[in-house]
Amino acid sequence: MNHYLIVFDRTAGRVLRDDAYTDRHEALRERFKAERAYQGDDDIEVVVLAADSRDALTKTHARYFKPLKSLLQGALNRTQGPSSGPSALPAQ
């Protein structure tokens, strides 16, 4: 099992740090350091996530890795079913 330290800027919608660790304790130590570094910044999210692989992590926690438009389109597709018409989200 791998452990991934993710530092995410909610306002910018981007990952600031993405580090993989095989040792859970090391990942947590780094998390606490990152939390101290960003203390007081409510826009920054610091998490350690466990996953078998990076691919599994990007599937289960896509919000950290995919653009918001892509996530919204995927959610719409799941609720509306397959569509042969144009995209439900406007192009940017």
Protein backbone atom coordinates (compact mmCIF):
# COMPACT_ATOMS: atom_id res chain seq x y z
CA MET A 1 0.00 0.00 0.00
CA ASN A 2 1.31 3.43 -0.93
CA HIS A 3 0.57 6.67 0.89
CA TYR A 4 0.25 9.93 -1.00
CA LEU A 5 0.69 13.38 0.50
CA ILE A 6 -1.47 15.84 -1.41
CA VAL A 7 -1.38 19.59 -0.82
CA PHE A 8 -4.29 21.10 -2.74
CA ASP A 9 -5.09 24.77 -3.36
CA ARG A 10 -8.91 24.91 -3.43
CA THR A 11 -9.06 28.43 -4.88
CA ALA A 12 -6.70 27.70 -7.77
CA GLY A 13 -8.02 24.14 -8.17
CA ARG A 14 -4.53 22.68 -8.41
CA VAL A 15 -2.20 20.33 -6.59
CA LEU A 16 0.76 22.11 -5.01
CA ARG A 17 2.46 18.96 -3.77
CA ASP A 18 1.99 15.29 -4.65
CA ASP A 19 4.47 12.95 -2.97
CA ALA A 20 4.36 9.16 -2.68
CA TYR A 21 5.58 7.22 0.38
CA THR A 22 5.73 3.54 1.18
CA ASP A 23 6.03 4.28 4.91
CA ARG A 24 2.77 5.55 6.43
CA HIS A 25 4.55 7.18 9.37
CA GLU A 26 6.86 9.14 7.08
CA ALA A 27 3.86 10.32 5.05
CA LEU A 28 2.11 11.49 8.21
CA ARG A 29 5.24 13.31 9.45
CA GLU A 30 5.39 15.17 6.15
CA ARG A 31 1.68 15.92 6.37
CA PHE A 32 2.12 17.56 9.78
CA LYS A 33 5.03 19.64 8.41
CA ALA A 34 2.90 20.76 5.47
CA GLU A 35 -0.03 21.60 7.76
CA ARG A 36 2.27 23.82 9.82
CA ALA A 37 3.62 25.47 6.67
CA TYR A 38 0.09 26.33 5.45
CA GLN A 39 -1.41 27.01 8.89
CA GLY A 40 -4.04 29.75 8.69
CA ASP A 41 -4.58 29.40 4.92
CA ASP A 42 -8.12 28.03 4.66
CA ASP A 43 -7.76 27.58 0.90
CA ILE A 44 -5.10 24.89 1.30
CA GLU A 45 -6.06 21.28 1.97
CA VAL A 46 -3.41 18.84 3.20
CA VAL A 47 -4.22 15.12 3.13
CA VAL A 48 -2.53 11.73 3.15
CA LEU A 49 -4.38 9.13 1.11
CA ALA A 50 -3.68 5.41 0.89
CA ALA A 51 -4.01 3.56 -2.41
CA ASP A 52 -2.60 0.52 -4.14
CA SER A 53 -1.35 2.65 -7.03
CA ARG A 54 -1.33 6.19 -8.43
CA ASP A 55 -3.90 5.08 -11.00
CA ALA A 56 -6.23 3.90 -8.23
CA LEU A 57 -5.71 7.19 -6.38
CA THR A 58 -6.58 9.30 -9.40
CA LYS A 59 -9.79 7.29 -9.87
CA THR A 60 -10.95 7.39 -6.26
CA HIS A 61 -9.90 11.00 -5.60
CA ALA A 62 -10.31 12.54 -9.04
CA ARG A 63 -11.21 15.96 -7.65
CA TYR A 64 -7.55 16.56 -6.88
CA PHE A 65 -6.33 15.59 -10.34
CA LYS A 66 -9.00 16.47 -12.91
CA PRO A 67 -10.26 19.92 -13.93
CA LEU A 68 -13.62 20.91 -12.44
CA LYS A 69 -15.28 20.98 -15.86
CA SER A 70 -14.27 17.38 -16.46
CA LEU A 71 -15.63 16.30 -13.07
CA LEU A 72 -18.94 18.09 -13.67
CA GLN A 73 -19.30 16.59 -17.13
CA GLY A 74 -18.66 13.11 -15.71
CA ALA A 75 -21.30 13.66 -13.02
CA LEU A 76 -23.82 14.87 -15.60
CA ASN A 77 -23.13 11.87 -17.82
CA ARG A 78 -23.71 9.50 -14.91
CA THR A 79 -27.03 11.11 -13.94
CA GLN A 80 -28.35 11.63 -17.49
CA GLY A 81 -27.03 8.48 -19.09
CA PRO A 82 -25.34 8.33 -22.49
CA SER A 83 -26.07 11.28 -24.72
CA SER A 84 -25.72 11.61 -28.43
CA GLY A 85 -26.24 15.39 -28.30
CA PRO A 86 -23.81 18.19 -27.56
CA SER A 87 -22.07 18.52 -24.23
CA ALA A 88 -24.22 19.74 -21.34
CA LEU A 89 -21.43 22.11 -20.27
CA PRO A 90 -20.57 25.11 -22.42
CA ALA A 91 -17.15 25.23 -24.05
CA GLN A 92 -14.66 27.66 -22.55
